[in-house]
Amino acid sequence: MNYHLLREFADSWGLVIMTVLFLSLIGWAFLPRNREANRRAANSIFEDENDNG
């Protein structure tokens, strides 16, 4: 494999692969079974706060 073959592959299929990967990751994040884990992750920054300010 040389640079030109890799470049041709990236030009033709790279965008398709990246789009499928992006949509898969977004879909995985919004699955109902991940709702509780996402809620815990979102609220984790508030767990160690002091009431003193």
PDB file of N, CA and C in Angstrom:
ATOM      1  N   MET A   1       0.843  -1.186   0.000  1.00  0.00           N
ATOM      2  CA  MET A   1       0.000   0.000   0.000  1.00  0.00           C
ATOM      3  C   MET A   1       0.886   1.247   0.000  1.00  0.00           C
ATOM      4  N   ASN A   2       0.527   2.137  -0.831  1.00  0.00           N
ATOM      5  CA  ASN A   2       1.251   3.391  -0.848  1.00  0.00           C
ATOM      6  C   ASN A   2       0.280   4.535  -0.542  1.00  0.00           C
ATOM      7  N   TYR A   3       0.812   5.713  -0.540  1.00  0.00           N
ATOM      8  CA  TYR A   3       0.023   6.888  -0.164  1.00  0.00           C
ATOM      9  C   TYR A   3      -1.178   7.082  -1.074  1.00  0.00           C
ATOM     10  N   HIS A   4      -1.029   6.875  -2.344  1.00  0.00           N
ATOM     11  CA  HIS A   4      -2.108   7.133  -3.291  1.00  0.00           C
ATOM     12  C   HIS A   4      -3.281   6.167  -3.090  1.00  0.00           C
ATOM     13  N   LEU A   5      -2.983   4.910  -2.805  1.00  0.00           N
ATOM     14  CA  LEU A   5      -4.062   3.959  -2.532  1.00  0.00           C
ATOM     15  C   LEU A   5      -4.806   4.316  -1.251  1.00  0.00           C
ATOM     16  N   LEU A   6      -4.057   4.672  -0.208  1.00  0.00           N
ATOM     17  CA  LEU A   6      -4.699   5.077   1.047  1.00  0.00           C
ATOM     18  C   LEU A   6      -5.528   6.343   0.862  1.00  0.00           C
ATOM     19  N   ARG A   7      -5.010   7.269   0.097  1.00  0.00           N
ATOM     20  CA  ARG A   7      -5.733   8.514  -0.157  1.00  0.00           C
ATOM     21  C   ARG A   7      -7.023   8.246  -0.950  1.00  0.00           C
ATOM     22  N   GLU A   8      -6.963   7.372  -1.918  1.00  0.00           N
ATOM     23  CA  GLU A   8      -8.148   7.030  -2.703  1.00  0.00           C
ATOM     24  C   GLU A   8      -9.200   6.352  -1.832  1.00  0.00           C
ATOM     25  N   PHE A   9      -8.753   5.444  -0.963  1.00  0.00           N
ATOM     26  CA  PHE A   9      -9.691   4.787  -0.047  1.00  0.00           C
ATOM     27  C   PHE A   9     -10.320   5.793   0.903  1.00  0.00           C
ATOM     28  N   ALA A  10      -9.529   6.694   1.460  1.00  0.00           N
ATOM     29  CA  ALA A  10     -10.050   7.695   2.384  1.00  0.00           C
ATOM     30  C   ALA A  10     -11.038   8.628   1.691  1.00  0.00           C
ATOM     31  N   ASP A  11     -10.756   8.988   0.468  1.00  0.00           N
ATOM     32  CA  ASP A  11     -11.659   9.871  -0.275  1.00  0.00           C
ATOM     33  C   ASP A  11     -12.976   9.184  -0.596  1.00  0.00           C
ATOM     34  N   SER A  12     -12.937   7.894  -0.854  1.00  0.00           N
ATOM     35  CA  SER A  12     -14.159   7.222  -1.277  1.00  0.00           C
ATOM     36  C   SER A  12     -14.957   6.658  -0.105  1.00  0.00           C
ATOM     37  N   TRP A  13     -14.302   6.058   0.878  1.00  0.00           N
ATOM     38  CA  TRP A  13     -15.020   5.385   1.961  1.00  0.00           C
ATOM     39  C   TRP A  13     -14.803   6.016   3.330  1.00  0.00           C
ATOM     40  N   GLY A  14     -13.855   6.884   3.471  1.00  0.00           N
ATOM     41  CA  GLY A  14     -13.547   7.470   4.768  1.00  0.00           C
ATOM     42  C   GLY A  14     -14.724   8.229   5.366  1.00  0.00           C
ATOM     43  N   LEU A  15     -15.370   9.053   4.573  1.00  0.00           N
ATOM     44  CA  LEU A  15     -16.505   9.830   5.065  1.00  0.00           C
ATOM     45  C   LEU A  15     -17.672   8.927   5.444  1.00  0.00           C
ATOM     46  N   VAL A  16     -17.902   7.899   4.664  1.00  0.00           N
ATOM     47  CA  VAL A  16     -18.988   6.958   4.958  1.00  0.00           C
ATOM     48  C   VAL A  16     -18.719   6.248   6.286  1.00  0.00           C
ATOM     49  N   ILE A  17     -17.500   5.769   6.478  1.00  0.00           N
ATOM     50  CA  ILE A  17     -17.145   5.063   7.706  1.00  0.00           C
ATOM     51  C   ILE A  17     -17.251   5.994   8.907  1.00  0.00           C
ATOM     52  N   MET A  18     -16.763   7.206   8.800  1.00  0.00           N
ATOM     53  CA  MET A  18     -16.832   8.155   9.916  1.00  0.00           C
ATOM     54  C   MET A  18     -18.275   8.523  10.235  1.00  0.00           C
ATOM     55  N   THR A  19     -19.122   8.664   9.217  1.00  0.00           N
ATOM     56  CA  THR A  19     -20.522   8.991   9.447  1.00  0.00           C
ATOM     57  C   THR A  19     -21.241   7.846  10.147  1.00  0.00           C
ATOM     58  N   VAL A  20     -21.006   6.623   9.708  1.00  0.00           N
ATOM     59  CA  VAL A  20     -21.623   5.461  10.355  1.00  0.00           C
ATOM     60  C   VAL A  20     -21.145   5.341  11.795  1.00  0.00           C
ATOM     61  N   LEU A  21     -19.864   5.548  12.032  1.00  0.00           N
ATOM     62  CA  LEU A  21     -19.328   5.489  13.388  1.00  0.00           C
ATOM     63  C   LEU A  21     -19.945   6.572  14.267  1.00  0.00           C
ATOM     64  N   PHE A  22     -20.051   7.777  13.771  1.00  0.00           N
ATOM     65  CA  PHE A  22     -20.641   8.885  14.518  1.00  0.00           C
ATOM     66  C   PHE A  22     -22.094   8.584  14.876  1.00  0.00           C
ATOM     67  N   LEU A  23     -22.871   8.150  13.908  1.00  0.00           N
ATOM     68  CA  LEU A  23     -24.280   7.853  14.173  1.00  0.00           C
ATOM     69  C   LEU A  23     -24.434   6.680  15.136  1.00  0.00           C
ATOM     70  N   SER A  24     -23.549   5.706  15.048  1.00  0.00           N
ATOM     71  CA  SER A  24     -23.594   4.574  15.972  1.00  0.00           C
ATOM     72  C   SER A  24     -23.307   5.017  17.396  1.00  0.00           C
ATOM     73  N   LEU A  25     -22.317   5.864  17.573  1.00  0.00           N
ATOM     74  CA  LEU A  25     -21.987   6.343  18.923  1.00  0.00           C
ATOM     75  C   LEU A  25     -23.088   7.224  19.492  1.00  0.00           C
ATOM     76  N   ILE A  26     -23.671   8.063  18.672  1.00  0.00           N
ATOM     77  CA  ILE A  26     -24.779   8.901  19.137  1.00  0.00           C
ATOM     78  C   ILE A  26     -25.971   8.027  19.497  1.00  0.00           C
ATOM     79  N   GLY A  27     -26.279   7.052  18.669  1.00  0.00           N
ATOM     80  CA  GLY A  27     -27.379   6.136  18.958  1.00  0.00           C
ATOM     81  C   GLY A  27     -27.145   5.350  20.229  1.00  0.00           C
ATOM     82  N   TRP A  28     -25.907   4.896  20.451  1.00  0.00           N
ATOM     83  CA  TRP A  28     -25.583   4.148  21.665  1.00  0.00           C
ATOM     84  C   TRP A  28     -25.769   5.016  22.906  1.00  0.00           C
ATOM     85  N   ALA A  29     -25.401   6.286  22.818  1.00  0.00           N
ATOM     86  CA  ALA A  29     -25.518   7.181  23.970  1.00  0.00           C
ATOM     87  C   ALA A  29     -26.973   7.412  24.356  1.00  0.00           C
ATOM     88  N   PHE A  30     -27.879   7.351  23.410  1.00  0.00           N
ATOM     89  CA  PHE A  30     -29.285   7.627  23.692  1.00  0.00           C
ATOM     90  C   PHE A  30     -30.142   6.376  23.867  1.00  0.00           C
ATOM     91  N   LEU A  31     -29.519   5.201  23.965  1.00  0.00           N
ATOM     92  CA  LEU A  31     -30.292   3.991  24.224  1.00  0.00           C
ATOM     93  C   LEU A  31     -30.943   4.066  25.603  1.00  0.00           C
ATOM     94  N   PRO A  32     -32.155   3.581  25.735  1.00  0.00           N
ATOM     95  CA  PRO A  32     -32.830   3.646  27.037  1.00  0.00           C
ATOM     96  C   PRO A  32     -32.058   2.946  28.154  1.00  0.00           C
ATOM     97  N   ARG A  33     -31.335   1.886  27.857  1.00  0.00           N
ATOM     98  CA  ARG A  33     -30.619   1.173  28.914  1.00  0.00           C
ATOM     99  C   ARG A  33     -29.442   1.974  29.463  1.00  0.00           C
ATOM    100  N   ASN A  34     -29.015   3.012  28.765  1.00  0.00           N
ATOM    101  CA  ASN A  34     -27.912   3.853  29.236  1.00  0.00           C
ATOM    102  C   ASN A  34     -28.391   5.089  29.981  1.00  0.00           C
ATOM    103  N   ARG A  35     -29.679   5.252  30.147  1.00  0.00           N
ATOM    104  CA  ARG A  35     -30.241   6.457  30.753  1.00  0.00           C
ATOM    105  C   ARG A  35     -29.717   6.679  32.172  1.00  0.00           C
ATOM    106  N   GLU A  36     -29.715   5.645  32.991  1.00  0.00           N
ATOM    107  CA  GLU A  36     -29.267   5.792  34.382  1.00  0.00           C
ATOM    108  C   GLU A  36     -27.771   6.090  34.455  1.00  0.00           C
ATOM    109  N   ALA A  37     -26.977   5.435  33.641  1.00  0.00           N
ATOM    110  CA  ALA A  37     -25.534   5.703  33.624  1.00  0.00           C
ATOM    111  C   ALA A  37     -25.261   7.137  33.172  1.00  0.00           C
ATOM    112  N   ASN A  38     -25.996   7.623  32.204  1.00  0.00           N
ATOM    113  CA  ASN A  38     -25.830   9.001  31.746  1.00  0.00           C
ATOM    114  C   ASN A  38     -26.242   9.988  32.830  1.00  0.00           C
ATOM    115  N   ARG A  39     -27.298   9.685  33.557  1.00  0.00           N
ATOM    116  CA  ARG A  39     -27.761  10.552  34.644  1.00  0.00           C
ATOM    117  C   ARG A  39     -26.704  10.604  35.756  1.00  0.00           C
ATOM    118  N   ARG A  40     -26.134   9.443  36.109  1.00  0.00           N
ATOM    119  CA  ARG A  40     -25.087   9.415  37.147  1.00  0.00           C
ATOM    120  C   ARG A  40     -23.864  10.209  36.695  1.00  0.00           C
ATOM    121  N   ALA A  41     -23.481  10.066  35.448  1.00  0.00           N
ATOM    122  CA  ALA A  41     -22.318  10.793  34.933  1.00  0.00           C
ATOM    123  C   ALA A  41     -22.565  12.297  34.928  1.00  0.00           C
ATOM    124  N   ALA A  42     -23.771  12.697  34.589  1.00  0.00           N
ATOM    125  CA  ALA A  42     -24.094  14.126  34.543  1.00  0.00           C
ATOM    126  C   ALA A  42     -24.097  14.743  35.939  1.00  0.00           C
ATOM    127  N   ASN A  43     -24.522  13.984  36.935  1.00  0.00           N
ATOM    128  CA  ASN A  43     -24.612  14.513  38.297  1.00  0.00           C
ATOM    129  C   ASN A  43     -23.371  14.245  39.130  1.00  0.00           C
ATOM    130  N   SER A  44     -22.392  13.533  38.612  1.00  0.00           N
ATOM    131  CA  SER A  44     -21.212  13.171  39.390  1.00  0.00           C
ATOM    132  C   SER A  44     -20.387  14.383  39.807  1.00  0.00           C
ATOM    133  N   ILE A  45     -20.436  15.463  39.058  1.00  0.00           N
ATOM    134  CA  ILE A  45     -19.643  16.639  39.418  1.00  0.00           C
ATOM    135  C   ILE A  45     -20.190  17.327  40.657  1.00  0.00           C
ATOM    136  N   PHE A  46     -21.443  17.045  41.039  1.00  0.00           N
ATOM    137  CA  PHE A  46     -22.048  17.686  42.199  1.00  0.00           C
ATOM    138  C   PHE A  46     -21.931  16.851  43.471  1.00  0.00           C
ATOM    139  N   GLU A  47     -21.399  15.658  43.405  1.00  0.00           N
ATOM    140  CA  GLU A  47     -21.376  14.756  44.551  1.00  0.00           C
ATOM    141  C   GLU A  47     -20.447  15.214  45.667  1.00  0.00           C
ATOM    142  N   ASP A  48     -19.345  15.848  45.349  1.00  0.00           N
ATOM    143  CA  ASP A  48     -18.359  16.217  46.360  1.00  0.00           C
ATOM    144  C   ASP A  48     -18.429  17.683  46.762  1.00  0.00           C
ATOM    145  N   GLU A  49     -19.519  18.349  46.484  1.00  0.00           N
ATOM    146  CA  GLU A  49     -19.633  19.759  46.841  1.00  0.00           C
ATOM    147  C   GLU A  49     -19.921  19.917  48.327  1.00  0.00           C
ATOM    148  N   ASN A  50     -19.345  20.958  48.897  1.00  0.00           N
ATOM    149  CA  ASN A  50     -19.636  21.312  50.280  1.00  0.00           C
ATOM    150  C   ASN A  50     -20.804  22.276  50.316  1.00  0.00           C
ATOM    151  N   ASP A  51     -21.551  22.244  51.395  1.00  0.00           N
ATOM    152  CA  ASP A  51     -22.666  23.184  51.532  1.00  0.00           C
ATOM    153  C   ASP A  51     -22.180  24.570  51.935  1.00  0.00           C
ATOM    154  N   ASN A  52     -20.904  24.725  52.267  1.00  0.00           N
ATOM    155  CA  ASN A  52     -20.356  26.009  52.704  1.00  0.00           C
ATOM    156  C   ASN A  52     -20.169  26.978  51.541  1.00  0.00           C
ATOM    157  N   GLY A  53     -20.147  26.483  50.347  1.00  0.00           N
ATOM    158  CA  GLY A  53     -19.989  27.345  49.190  1.00  0.00           C
ATOM    159  C   GLY A  53     -18.610  27.308  48.745  1.00  0.00           C
TER     160      GLY A  53
END
